Amino acid sequence: MRRHKLTENDVTPEEIFYHRRKLIAGLGAIGGMSLLPQISQADPMPQENLLLFKKDSLNTALSLTPEDKVTGYNNFYEFGIDKGSPAQYAHTLKTAPWQVEISGEVEKPLILDLQDLYTRYPLQERIYRFRCVEAWAMVIPWIGFELNALLREVRPTSRAKYVEFETLYDPEQMPGQKNFFWGGGINYPYREGLTIAEAMHPLTLLSVGLYGKKLTPQNGAPIRLVVPWKYGFKSIKSIVKIRLTETRPLNTWQQLAPHEYGFYANVNPNVPHPRWSQASERVIGAGGLFNVKRQPTLLFNGYDEVASLYQGLDLTVNY
């Protein structure tokens, strides 16, 4: 597999960014098995938060985004529209017990419980580039299993053309779901979708952890989708339902602003967002405010092995 390298010199700060969803909210409201990391006396992380997984041996040259940035700077509108809101408020999310229901066009419907998520399929680390539609980027060591392992177990029928995902709906745990302004004007629960071919691709991951540990609530605990060649809003968090369907599902941002967000949402430097360019990106890192550098955006976020999924498809029209 081809991988594009980042270096420490590519790391840039998070202070400057596009307020994509805040603007949309305004429009809506107003118009080998390894145990990582090792615990030291200075590390208060409980043992039960660590995961057993096979380390990534393919992408070790990538410079990881600092962990505190990944857990402290993200979008999860169920807990507020600011980048720091998920880390501040997501502690209200109770991830145990948890169930994920897999249904629809399958021969063997399935319900996974919390233990299943950590033990039913062998876990592996995948160091992936992560690209937000707001034109910032990270490099994250996800831990999880390929979605195709789950789909093969449930046996999609011949009518299964798409896979739809749904986030937990619980306004008491997720305050953004009961407050129109706090939650960005979204019609919850949050939904996303992939074609069956995209879902079966070996790069498509169901993640249960990062940095050697179980996912934090703000990062989508206990299970989220990771599709590294697509913009980050496709990687839905805190999943409770997976449905295989014959018809294309309507994802949340496509429903909210169809002129700005399409179904595919593949990273593409040649297709600008209506309000900003996608030709370059900032890499979130440990640098200071004035240490801002940009790097070119790569088609499919550099994962050109997925190009065959879109042969004959106009990626300008089908954005």
C-alpha atoms as a PDB file:
ATOM      1  CA  MET A   1       0.000   0.000   0.000  1.00  0.00           C
ATOM      2  CA  ARG A   2       1.202   3.475  -0.803  1.00  0.00           C
ATOM      3  CA  ARG A   3       1.539   5.843   2.158  1.00  0.00           C
ATOM      4  CA  HIS A   4       2.441   9.533   2.105  1.00  0.00           C
ATOM      5  CA  LYS A   5       4.886  10.653   4.756  1.00  0.00           C
ATOM      6  CA  LEU A   6       4.505  13.600   7.080  1.00  0.00           C
ATOM      7  CA  THR A   7       7.397  15.015   9.080  1.00  0.00           C
ATOM      8  CA  GLU A   8       7.620  17.038  12.264  1.00  0.00           C
ATOM      9  CA  ASN A   9       8.104  20.124  10.089  1.00  0.00           C
ATOM     10  CA  ASP A  10       4.599  19.648   8.731  1.00  0.00           C
ATOM     11  CA  VAL A  11       2.994  19.990  12.163  1.00  0.00           C
ATOM     12  CA  THR A  12       1.017  23.195  12.643  1.00  0.00           C
ATOM     13  CA  PRO A  13      -1.208  24.619  15.387  1.00  0.00           C
ATOM     14  CA  GLU A  14      -4.893  24.302  15.889  1.00  0.00           C
ATOM     15  CA  GLU A  15      -5.686  27.887  16.806  1.00  0.00           C
ATOM     16  CA  ILE A  16      -6.694  28.866  13.269  1.00  0.00           C
ATOM     17  CA  PHE A  17      -9.476  26.938  11.593  1.00  0.00           C
ATOM     18  CA  TYR A  18     -12.667  27.244   9.573  1.00  0.00           C
ATOM     19  CA  HIS A  19     -15.914  27.348  11.522  1.00  0.00           C
ATOM     20  CA  ARG A  20     -17.748  25.197   8.992  1.00  0.00           C
ATOM     21  CA  ARG A  21     -20.416  23.775  11.182  1.00  0.00           C
ATOM     22  CA  LYS A  22     -20.818  26.868  13.284  1.00  0.00           C
ATOM     23  CA  LEU A  23     -21.602  28.768  10.107  1.00  0.00           C
ATOM     24  CA  ILE A  24     -24.047  26.113   9.000  1.00  0.00           C
ATOM     25  CA  ALA A  25     -25.620  26.173  12.453  1.00  0.00           C
ATOM     26  CA  GLY A  26     -26.026  29.897  12.119  1.00  0.00           C
ATOM     27  CA  LEU A  27     -27.662  29.457   8.747  1.00  0.00           C
ATOM     28  CA  GLY A  28     -29.937  26.776  10.139  1.00  0.00           C
ATOM     29  CA  ALA A  29     -30.780  28.661  13.288  1.00  0.00           C
ATOM     30  CA  ILE A  30     -30.875  31.984  11.655  1.00  0.00           C
ATOM     31  CA  GLY A  31     -32.112  31.194   8.184  1.00  0.00           C
ATOM     32  CA  GLY A  32       1.345  -8.964  16.634  1.00  0.00           C
ATOM     33  CA  MET A  33      -0.345  -8.454  20.010  1.00  0.00           C
ATOM     34  CA  SER A  34       1.002  -5.493  21.865  1.00  0.00           C
ATOM     35  CA  LEU A  35      -0.209  -3.734  24.959  1.00  0.00           C
ATOM     36  CA  LEU A  36       0.246   0.020  24.606  1.00  0.00           C
ATOM     37  CA  PRO A  37       1.086   2.258  26.311  1.00  0.00           C
ATOM     38  CA  GLN A  38       3.040   1.045  29.309  1.00  0.00           C
ATOM     39  CA  ILE A  39       1.669   2.365  32.605  1.00  0.00           C
ATOM     40  CA  SER A  40       4.038   4.260  34.848  1.00  0.00           C
ATOM     41  CA  GLN A  41       3.502   5.683  38.299  1.00  0.00           C
ATOM     42  CA  ALA A  42       2.924   9.059  36.679  1.00  0.00           C
ATOM     43  CA  ASP A  43       0.264   7.653  34.356  1.00  0.00           C
ATOM     44  CA  PRO A  44      -3.164   7.481  36.031  1.00  0.00           C
ATOM     45  CA  MET A  45      -4.781   5.618  33.119  1.00  0.00           C
ATOM     46  CA  PRO A  46      -6.715   2.632  34.534  1.00  0.00           C
ATOM     47  CA  GLN A  47      -5.606  -0.771  33.287  1.00  0.00           C
ATOM     48  CA  GLU A  48      -9.099  -1.527  31.957  1.00  0.00           C
ATOM     49  CA  ASN A  49      -8.807   1.349  29.472  1.00  0.00           C
ATOM     50  CA  LEU A  50      -5.879  -0.285  27.663  1.00  0.00           C
ATOM     51  CA  LEU A  51      -6.385  -2.487  24.611  1.00  0.00           C
ATOM     52  CA  LEU A  52      -4.679  -5.532  23.169  1.00  0.00           C
ATOM     53  CA  PHE A  53      -3.921  -5.030  19.485  1.00  0.00           C
ATOM     54  CA  LYS A  54      -1.516  -5.716  16.657  1.00  0.00           C
ATOM     55  CA  LYS A  55       0.706  -2.738  15.983  1.00  0.00           C
ATOM     56  CA  ASP A  56       0.756  -0.961  12.625  1.00  0.00           C
ATOM     57  CA  SER A  57       3.985  -1.827  10.823  1.00  0.00           C
ATOM     58  CA  LEU A  58       3.198  -0.011   7.555  1.00  0.00           C
ATOM     59  CA  ASN A  59       2.883   3.616   8.572  1.00  0.00           C
ATOM     60  CA  THR A  60       5.508   4.126  11.245  1.00  0.00           C
ATOM     61  CA  ALA A  61       7.136   6.997   9.325  1.00  0.00           C
ATOM     62  CA  LEU A  62       4.070   9.199   9.847  1.00  0.00           C
ATOM     63  CA  SER A  63       4.433  11.797  12.598  1.00  0.00           C
ATOM     64  CA  LEU A  64       1.563  11.353  15.023  1.00  0.00           C
ATOM     65  CA  THR A  65      -0.546  14.287  16.119  1.00  0.00           C
ATOM     66  CA  PRO A  66      -0.091  14.870  19.869  1.00  0.00           C
ATOM     67  CA  GLU A  67      -2.676  12.877  21.789  1.00  0.00           C
ATOM     68  CA  ASP A  68      -4.005  15.896  23.666  1.00  0.00           C
ATOM     69  CA  LYS A  69      -4.858  17.541  20.348  1.00  0.00           C
ATOM     70  CA  VAL A  70      -6.750  14.490  19.119  1.00  0.00           C
ATOM     71  CA  THR A  71      -8.747  14.242  22.341  1.00  0.00           C
ATOM     72  CA  GLY A  72      -9.126  17.978  22.861  1.00  0.00           C
ATOM     73  CA  TYR A  73      -9.744  19.423  19.388  1.00  0.00           C
ATOM     74  CA  ASN A  74     -12.549  17.848  17.421  1.00  0.00           C
ATOM     75  CA  ASN A  75     -16.125  18.043  16.210  1.00  0.00           C
ATOM     76  CA  PHE A  76     -18.892  16.184  18.028  1.00  0.00           C
ATOM     77  CA  TYR A  77     -21.903  18.469  17.889  1.00  0.00           C
ATOM     78  CA  GLU A  78     -23.897  16.360  20.300  1.00  0.00           C
ATOM     79  CA  PHE A  79     -21.724  18.072  22.929  1.00  0.00           C
ATOM     80  CA  GLY A  80     -21.480  21.549  21.411  1.00  0.00           C
ATOM     81  CA  ILE A  81     -20.217  23.280  18.312  1.00  0.00           C
ATOM     82  CA  ASP A  82     -16.853  24.545  19.570  1.00  0.00           C
ATOM     83  CA  LYS A  83     -13.736  22.427  19.103  1.00  0.00           C
ATOM     84  CA  GLY A  84     -13.177  22.155  22.835  1.00  0.00           C
ATOM     85  CA  SER A  85     -16.790  21.401  23.771  1.00  0.00           C
ATOM     86  CA  PRO A  86     -16.642  17.604  23.285  1.00  0.00           C
ATOM     87  CA  ALA A  87     -13.687  17.251  25.661  1.00  0.00           C
ATOM     88  CA  GLN A  88     -15.434  19.489  28.183  1.00  0.00           C
ATOM     89  CA  TYR A  89     -18.899  17.972  28.113  1.00  0.00           C
ATOM     90  CA  ALA A  90     -18.729  14.422  26.740  1.00  0.00           C
ATOM     91  CA  HIS A  91     -18.163  12.948  30.195  1.00  0.00           C
ATOM     92  CA  THR A  92     -21.972  12.755  30.377  1.00  0.00           C
ATOM     93  CA  LEU A  93     -21.922   9.930  27.813  1.00  0.00           C
ATOM     94  CA  LYS A  94     -22.278   6.506  29.426  1.00  0.00           C
ATOM     95  CA  THR A  95     -20.668   3.900  27.200  1.00  0.00           C
ATOM     96  CA  ALA A  96     -21.528   0.861  29.321  1.00  0.00           C
ATOM     97  CA  PRO A  97     -23.710  -0.989  28.691  1.00  0.00           C
ATOM     98  CA  TRP A  98     -23.710  -0.555  24.903  1.00  0.00           C
ATOM     99  CA  GLN A  99     -25.198  -2.391  21.969  1.00  0.00           C
ATOM    100  CA  VAL A 100     -24.762  -2.105  18.214  1.00  0.00           C
ATOM    101  CA  GLU A 101     -27.577  -3.538  16.106  1.00  0.00           C
ATOM    102  CA  ILE A 102     -26.754  -4.738  12.581  1.00  0.00           C
ATOM    103  CA  SER A 103     -29.883  -5.222  10.487  1.00  0.00           C
ATOM    104  CA  GLY A 104     -31.511  -4.625   7.113  1.00  0.00           C
ATOM    105  CA  GLU A 105     -30.459  -6.491   3.991  1.00  0.00           C
ATOM    106  CA  VAL A 106     -28.536  -9.215   5.829  1.00  0.00           C
ATOM    107  CA  GLU A 107     -29.052 -12.929   6.228  1.00  0.00           C
ATOM    108  CA  LYS A 108     -27.875 -13.014   9.850  1.00  0.00           C
ATOM    109  CA  PRO A 109     -28.879  -9.917  11.846  1.00  0.00           C
ATOM    110  CA  LEU A 110     -26.631  -9.369  14.827  1.00  0.00           C
ATOM    111  CA  ILE A 111     -26.434  -7.410  18.057  1.00  0.00           C
ATOM    112  CA  LEU A 112     -22.980  -6.734  19.461  1.00  0.00           C
ATOM    113  CA  ASP A 113     -22.487  -5.845  23.104  1.00  0.00           C
ATOM    114  CA  LEU A 114     -19.612  -3.905  24.603  1.00  0.00           C
ATOM    115  CA  GLN A 115     -17.438  -6.948  25.176  1.00  0.00           C
ATOM    116  CA  ASP A 116     -17.955  -8.035  21.573  1.00  0.00           C
ATOM    117  CA  LEU A 117     -16.541  -4.728  20.356  1.00  0.00           C
ATOM    118  CA  TYR A 118     -13.228  -5.443  22.088  1.00  0.00           C
ATOM    119  CA  THR A 119     -12.903  -9.210  21.662  1.00  0.00           C
ATOM    120  CA  ARG A 120     -15.036 -10.594  18.827  1.00  0.00           C
ATOM    121  CA  TYR A 121     -12.644  -9.443  16.104  1.00  0.00           C
ATOM    122  CA  PRO A 122      -8.837  -9.180  16.437  1.00  0.00           C
ATOM    123  CA  LEU A 123      -7.889  -5.552  17.020  1.00  0.00           C
ATOM    124  CA  GLN A 124      -5.196  -3.831  15.022  1.00  0.00           C
ATOM    125  CA  GLU A 125      -3.618  -0.414  14.990  1.00  0.00           C
ATOM    126  CA  ARG A 126      -4.015   1.702  11.873  1.00  0.00           C
ATOM    127  CA  ILE A 127      -2.082   4.957  11.664  1.00  0.00           C
ATOM    128  CA  TYR A 128      -4.180   7.039   9.313  1.00  0.00           C
ATOM    129  CA  ARG A 129      -4.166  10.547   8.015  1.00  0.00           C
ATOM    130  CA  PHE A 130      -7.388  12.303   9.056  1.00  0.00           C
ATOM    131  CA  ARG A 131      -8.708  15.209   6.995  1.00  0.00           C
ATOM    132  CA  CYS A 132     -11.550  17.463   8.129  1.00  0.00           C
ATOM    133  CA  VAL A 133     -13.680  19.215   5.523  1.00  0.00           C
ATOM    134  CA  GLU A 134     -12.705  22.429   7.349  1.00  0.00           C
ATOM    135  CA  ALA A 135      -9.198  22.015   5.830  1.00  0.00           C
ATOM    136  CA  TRP A 136      -7.311  20.879   8.914  1.00  0.00           C
ATOM    137  CA  ALA A 137      -5.629  17.511   9.265  1.00  0.00           C
ATOM    138  CA  MET A 138      -4.181  15.105  11.816  1.00  0.00           C
ATOM    139  CA  VAL A 139      -2.370  11.770  11.919  1.00  0.00           C
ATOM    140  CA  ILE A 140      -4.043   9.380  14.361  1.00  0.00           C
ATOM    141  CA  PRO A 141      -3.166   5.837  15.563  1.00  0.00           C
ATOM    142  CA  TRP A 142      -6.632   4.273  15.572  1.00  0.00           C
ATOM    143  CA  ILE A 143      -7.282   0.821  17.024  1.00  0.00           C
ATOM    144  CA  GLY A 144     -10.095  -1.321  15.683  1.00  0.00           C
ATOM    145  CA  PHE A 145     -11.108  -3.904  13.113  1.00  0.00           C
ATOM    146  CA  GLU A 146     -12.034  -3.824   9.451  1.00  0.00           C
ATOM    147  CA  LEU A 147     -15.730  -3.228   8.865  1.00  0.00           C
ATOM    148  CA  ASN A 148     -15.699  -5.984   6.268  1.00  0.00           C
ATOM    149  CA  ALA A 149     -15.127  -8.573   9.022  1.00  0.00           C
ATOM    150  CA  LEU A 150     -18.454  -7.637  10.576  1.00  0.00           C
ATOM    151  CA  LEU A 151     -20.264  -7.440   7.252  1.00  0.00           C
ATOM    152  CA  ARG A 152     -19.058 -10.866   6.199  1.00  0.00           C
ATOM    153  CA  GLU A 153     -20.424 -12.304   9.416  1.00  0.00           C
ATOM    154  CA  VAL A 154     -23.911 -10.881   8.869  1.00  0.00           C
ATOM    155  CA  ARG A 155     -23.901 -11.910   5.179  1.00  0.00           C
ATOM    156  CA  PRO A 156     -25.297  -9.058   3.071  1.00  0.00           C
ATOM    157  CA  THR A 157     -28.047 -10.052   0.665  1.00  0.00           C
ATOM    158  CA  SER A 158     -27.842  -9.355  -3.070  1.00  0.00           C
ATOM    159  CA  ARG A 159     -30.008  -6.280  -2.477  1.00  0.00           C
ATOM    160  CA  ALA A 160     -27.503  -4.641  -0.118  1.00  0.00           C
ATOM    161  CA  LYS A 161     -26.066  -1.663  -1.982  1.00  0.00           C
ATOM    162  CA  TYR A 162     -25.373   0.729   0.908  1.00  0.00           C
ATOM    163  CA  VAL A 163     -24.514   0.712   4.605  1.00  0.00           C
ATOM    164  CA  GLU A 164     -26.175   3.264   6.888  1.00  0.00           C
ATOM    165  CA  PHE A 165     -24.855   4.182  10.339  1.00  0.00           C
ATOM    166  CA  GLU A 166     -26.633   5.899  13.220  1.00  0.00           C
ATOM    167  CA  THR A 167     -25.301   7.570  16.369  1.00  0.00           C
ATOM    168  CA  LEU A 168     -26.848   7.098  19.804  1.00  0.00           C
ATOM    169  CA  TYR A 169     -29.857   9.315  20.397  1.00  0.00           C
ATOM    170  CA  ASP A 170     -30.104  10.260  24.071  1.00  0.00           C
ATOM    171  CA  PRO A 171     -30.637  13.988  24.736  1.00  0.00           C
ATOM    172  CA  GLU A 172     -30.041  13.525  28.455  1.00  0.00           C
ATOM    173  CA  GLN A 173     -26.533  12.247  27.794  1.00  0.00           C
ATOM    174  CA  MET A 174     -25.913  14.383  24.709  1.00  0.00           C
ATOM    175  CA  PRO A 175     -27.051  17.943  25.461  1.00  0.00           C
ATOM    176  CA  GLY A 176     -26.612  19.091  21.866  1.00  0.00           C
ATOM    177  CA  GLN A 177     -29.420  16.784  20.812  1.00  0.00           C
ATOM    178  CA  LYS A 178     -31.995  18.717  22.820  1.00  0.00           C
ATOM    179  CA  ASN A 179     -30.721  22.251  22.205  1.00  0.00           C
ATOM    180  CA  PHE A 180     -31.017  23.527  18.629  1.00  0.00           C
ATOM    181  CA  PHE A 181     -28.278  26.126  18.984  1.00  0.00           C
ATOM    182  CA  TRP A 182     -25.953  24.026  21.153  1.00  0.00           C
ATOM    183  CA  GLY A 183     -26.236  21.131  18.719  1.00  0.00           C
ATOM    184  CA  GLY A 184     -25.655  23.074  15.524  1.00  0.00           C
ATOM    185  CA  GLY A 185     -29.179  22.926  14.143  1.00  0.00           C
ATOM    186  CA  ILE A 186     -28.878  19.246  13.306  1.00  0.00           C
ATOM    187  CA  ASN A 187     -31.839  16.904  13.069  1.00  0.00           C
ATOM    188  CA  TYR A 188     -30.624  14.107  15.342  1.00  0.00           C
ATOM    189  CA  PRO A 189     -29.735  11.286  15.521  1.00  0.00           C
ATOM    190  CA  TYR A 190     -26.663  11.760  13.365  1.00  0.00           C
ATOM    191  CA  ARG A 191     -26.573   9.478  10.316  1.00  0.00           C
ATOM    192  CA  GLU A 192     -23.987   8.560   7.710  1.00  0.00           C
ATOM    193  CA  GLY A 193     -23.634   6.099   4.862  1.00  0.00           C
ATOM    194  CA  LEU A 194     -21.262   4.307   2.505  1.00  0.00           C
ATOM    195  CA  THR A 195     -21.643   2.216  -0.596  1.00  0.00           C
ATOM    196  CA  ILE A 196     -21.238  -1.487   0.063  1.00  0.00           C
ATOM    197  CA  ALA A 197     -17.970  -1.410  -1.908  1.00  0.00           C
ATOM    198  CA  GLU A 198     -16.611   1.404   0.283  1.00  0.00           C
ATOM    199  CA  ALA A 199     -17.707  -0.411   3.418  1.00  0.00           C
ATOM    200  CA  MET A 200     -15.987  -3.622   2.332  1.00  0.00           C
ATOM    201  CA  HIS A 201     -12.689  -1.921   1.473  1.00  0.00           C
ATOM    202  CA  PRO A 202      -9.889  -3.018   3.843  1.00  0.00           C
ATOM    203  CA  LEU A 203      -9.050   0.586   4.762  1.00  0.00           C
ATOM    204  CA  THR A 204     -12.508   1.123   6.273  1.00  0.00           C
ATOM    205  CA  LEU A 205     -12.204   0.676  10.017  1.00  0.00           C
ATOM    206  CA  LEU A 206     -14.518   0.389  12.976  1.00  0.00           C
ATOM    207  CA  SER A 207     -12.427   1.964  15.713  1.00  0.00           C
ATOM    208  CA  VAL A 208     -12.705   1.255  19.441  1.00  0.00           C
ATOM    209  CA  GLY A 209      -9.526   3.016  20.524  1.00  0.00           C
ATOM    210  CA  LEU A 210      -6.595   5.292  19.844  1.00  0.00           C
ATOM    211  CA  TYR A 211      -3.133   5.724  21.322  1.00  0.00           C
ATOM    212  CA  GLY A 212      -3.312   2.257  22.850  1.00  0.00           C
ATOM    213  CA  LYS A 213      -6.440   3.013  24.854  1.00  0.00           C
ATOM    214  CA  LYS A 214     -10.185   2.773  24.490  1.00  0.00           C
ATOM    215  CA  LEU A 215     -11.840   5.699  22.744  1.00  0.00           C
ATOM    216  CA  THR A 216     -12.664   8.667  24.905  1.00  0.00           C
ATOM    217  CA  PRO A 217     -16.300   9.850  24.796  1.00  0.00           C
ATOM    218  CA  GLN A 218     -15.330  12.971  22.854  1.00  0.00           C
ATOM    219  CA  ASN A 219     -13.727  10.832  20.157  1.00  0.00           C
ATOM    220  CA  GLY A 220     -16.799   8.647  19.662  1.00  0.00           C
ATOM    221  CA  ALA A 221     -16.678   5.949  22.335  1.00  0.00           C
ATOM    222  CA  PRO A 222     -17.176   3.124  22.375  1.00  0.00           C
ATOM    223  CA  ILE A 223     -17.171   2.586  18.598  1.00  0.00           C
ATOM    224  CA  ARG A 224     -16.896   4.846  15.585  1.00  0.00           C
ATOM    225  CA  LEU A 225     -16.274   4.638  11.865  1.00  0.00           C
ATOM    226  CA  VAL A 226     -12.962   5.698  10.294  1.00  0.00           C
ATOM    227  CA  VAL A 227     -12.786   6.165   6.511  1.00  0.00           C
ATOM    228  CA  PRO A 228      -9.401   7.801   5.899  1.00  0.00           C
ATOM    229  CA  TRP A 229      -9.906   8.894   2.290  1.00  0.00           C
ATOM    230  CA  LYS A 230     -13.076  10.846   3.105  1.00  0.00           C
ATOM    231  CA  TYR A 231     -13.665  14.058   5.022  1.00  0.00           C
ATOM    232  CA  GLY A 232     -13.984  13.514   8.735  1.00  0.00           C
ATOM    233  CA  PHE A 233     -17.734  14.073   9.034  1.00  0.00           C
ATOM    234  CA  LYS A 234     -18.218  10.717   7.296  1.00  0.00           C
ATOM    235  CA  SER A 235     -16.528   8.948  10.222  1.00  0.00           C
ATOM    236  CA  ILE A 236     -19.616   8.794  12.438  1.00  0.00           C
ATOM    237  CA  LYS A 237     -19.158   8.433  16.205  1.00  0.00           C
ATOM    238  CA  SER A 238     -20.821   6.449  19.027  1.00  0.00           C
ATOM    239  CA  ILE A 239     -22.595   4.056  16.661  1.00  0.00           C
ATOM    240  CA  VAL A 240     -25.657   2.102  17.811  1.00  0.00           C
ATOM    241  CA  LYS A 241     -27.173   1.010  14.490  1.00  0.00           C
ATOM    242  CA  ILE A 242     -25.759  -0.311  11.228  1.00  0.00           C
ATOM    243  CA  ARG A 243     -28.301  -1.020   8.483  1.00  0.00           C
ATOM    244  CA  LEU A 244     -27.668  -2.468   5.052  1.00  0.00           C
ATOM    245  CA  THR A 245     -30.032  -0.974   2.502  1.00  0.00           C
ATOM    246  CA  GLU A 246     -30.934  -1.159  -1.161  1.00  0.00           C
ATOM    247  CA  THR A 247     -31.372   2.610  -1.473  1.00  0.00           C
ATOM    248  CA  ARG A 248     -28.838   5.318  -0.738  1.00  0.00           C
ATOM    249  CA  PRO A 249     -29.220   6.746   2.775  1.00  0.00           C
ATOM    250  CA  LEU A 250     -29.376  10.501   3.326  1.00  0.00           C
ATOM    251  CA  ASN A 251     -26.515  11.538   5.558  1.00  0.00           C
ATOM    252  CA  THR A 252     -26.924  14.284   8.145  1.00  0.00           C
ATOM    253  CA  TRP A 253     -24.841  17.033   6.552  1.00  0.00           C
ATOM    254  CA  GLN A 254     -26.275  16.313   3.118  1.00  0.00           C
ATOM    255  CA  GLN A 255     -29.719  16.752   4.625  1.00  0.00           C
ATOM    256  CA  LEU A 256     -28.738  19.989   6.365  1.00  0.00           C
ATOM    257  CA  ALA A 257     -26.812  21.623   3.514  1.00  0.00           C
ATOM    258  CA  PRO A 258     -27.009  19.580   0.286  1.00  0.00           C
ATOM    259  CA  HIS A 259     -25.365  22.339  -1.763  1.00  0.00           C
ATOM    260  CA  GLU A 260     -22.232  22.021   0.392  1.00  0.00           C
ATOM    261  CA  TYR A 261     -21.999  18.368   1.445  1.00  0.00           C
ATOM    262  CA  GLY A 262     -22.542  15.398  -0.817  1.00  0.00           C
ATOM    263  CA  PHE A 263     -22.876  11.685  -0.188  1.00  0.00           C
ATOM    264  CA  TYR A 264     -19.346  10.667  -1.137  1.00  0.00           C
ATOM    265  CA  ALA A 265     -17.315  13.428   0.563  1.00  0.00           C
ATOM    266  CA  ASN A 266     -14.019  12.133  -0.815  1.00  0.00           C
ATOM    267  CA  VAL A 267     -11.015  14.326  -0.077  1.00  0.00           C
ATOM    268  CA  ASN A 268     -10.389  16.181  -3.330  1.00  0.00           C
ATOM    269  CA  PRO A 269      -8.123  19.220  -3.756  1.00  0.00           C
ATOM    270  CA  ASN A 270      -9.798  20.008  -7.083  1.00  0.00           C
ATOM    271  CA  VAL A 271     -13.291  20.440  -5.653  1.00  0.00           C
ATOM    272  CA  PRO A 272     -13.516  23.482  -3.370  1.00  0.00           C
ATOM    273  CA  HIS A 273     -16.062  23.827  -0.646  1.00  0.00           C
ATOM    274  CA  PRO A 274     -18.469  26.633  -1.630  1.00  0.00           C
ATOM    275  CA  ARG A 275     -16.919  28.815   1.077  1.00  0.00           C
ATOM    276  CA  TRP A 276     -13.234  27.825   1.028  1.00  0.00           C
ATOM    277  CA  SER A 277     -10.584  26.056  -0.994  1.00  0.00           C
ATOM    278  CA  GLN A 278      -9.651  22.430  -0.397  1.00  0.00           C
ATOM    279  CA  ALA A 279      -6.355  22.714  -2.273  1.00  0.00           C
ATOM    280  CA  SER A 280      -4.266  22.831   0.907  1.00  0.00           C
ATOM    281  CA  GLU A 281      -4.596  21.909   4.573  1.00  0.00           C
ATOM    282  CA  ARG A 282      -3.202  22.711   8.022  1.00  0.00           C
ATOM    283  CA  VAL A 283      -1.845  19.892  10.147  1.00  0.00           C
ATOM    284  CA  ILE A 284      -2.855  20.204  13.779  1.00  0.00           C
ATOM    285  CA  GLY A 285       0.130  19.763  16.048  1.00  0.00           C
ATOM    286  CA  ALA A 286       2.210  21.144  18.868  1.00  0.00           C
ATOM    287  CA  GLY A 287       3.402  24.299  17.143  1.00  0.00           C
ATOM    288  CA  GLY A 288       2.632  27.836  18.265  1.00  0.00           C
ATOM    289  CA  LEU A 289       0.280  30.389  16.770  1.00  0.00           C
ATOM    290  CA  PHE A 290       2.885  31.867  14.432  1.00  0.00           C
ATOM    291  CA  ASN A 291       4.330  28.551  13.310  1.00  0.00           C
ATOM    292  CA  VAL A 292       1.626  28.051  10.714  1.00  0.00           C
ATOM    293  CA  LYS A 293       2.467  25.983   7.655  1.00  0.00           C
ATOM    294  CA  ARG A 294       0.289  24.428   5.005  1.00  0.00           C
ATOM    295  CA  GLN A 295       0.690  21.361   2.867  1.00  0.00           C
ATOM    296  CA  PRO A 296      -1.040  20.371  -0.369  1.00  0.00           C
ATOM    297  CA  THR A 297      -4.203  18.318  -0.107  1.00  0.00           C
ATOM    298  CA  LEU A 298      -3.886  14.902  -1.735  1.00  0.00           C
ATOM    299  CA  LEU A 299      -6.660  13.303  -3.755  1.00  0.00           C
ATOM    300  CA  PHE A 300      -8.340  10.653  -1.577  1.00  0.00           C
ATOM    301  CA  ASN A 301      -6.167  12.007   1.253  1.00  0.00           C
ATOM    302  CA  GLY A 302      -3.269  10.128  -0.311  1.00  0.00           C
ATOM    303  CA  TYR A 303      -4.987   6.732  -0.250  1.00  0.00           C
ATOM    304  CA  ASP A 304      -4.999   6.271  -3.996  1.00  0.00           C
ATOM    305  CA  GLU A 305      -5.663   2.525  -3.670  1.00  0.00           C
ATOM    306  CA  VAL A 306      -9.364   3.403  -3.387  1.00  0.00           C
ATOM    307  CA  ALA A 307      -9.480   5.121  -6.804  1.00  0.00           C
ATOM    308  CA  SER A 308     -10.877   1.992  -8.463  1.00  0.00           C
ATOM    309  CA  LEU A 309     -14.061   2.355  -6.372  1.00  0.00           C
ATOM    310  CA  TYR A 310     -14.951   5.439  -8.392  1.00  0.00           C
ATOM    311  CA  GLN A 311     -14.104   4.446 -11.961  1.00  0.00           C
ATOM    312  CA  GLY A 312     -16.516   6.163 -14.326  1.00  0.00           C
ATOM    313  CA  LEU A 313     -17.870   8.428 -11.575  1.00  0.00           C
ATOM    314  CA  ASP A 314     -17.567  12.193 -11.994  1.00  0.00           C
ATOM    315  CA  LEU A 315     -16.068  13.219  -8.667  1.00  0.00           C
ATOM    316  CA  THR A 316     -16.879  16.864  -9.295  1.00  0.00           C
ATOM    317  CA  VAL A 317     -20.583  16.154  -9.544  1.00  0.00           C
ATOM    318  CA  ASN A 318     -20.517  13.299  -7.049  1.00  0.00           C
ATOM    319  CA  TYR A 319     -18.686  15.112  -4.299  1.00  0.00           C
END
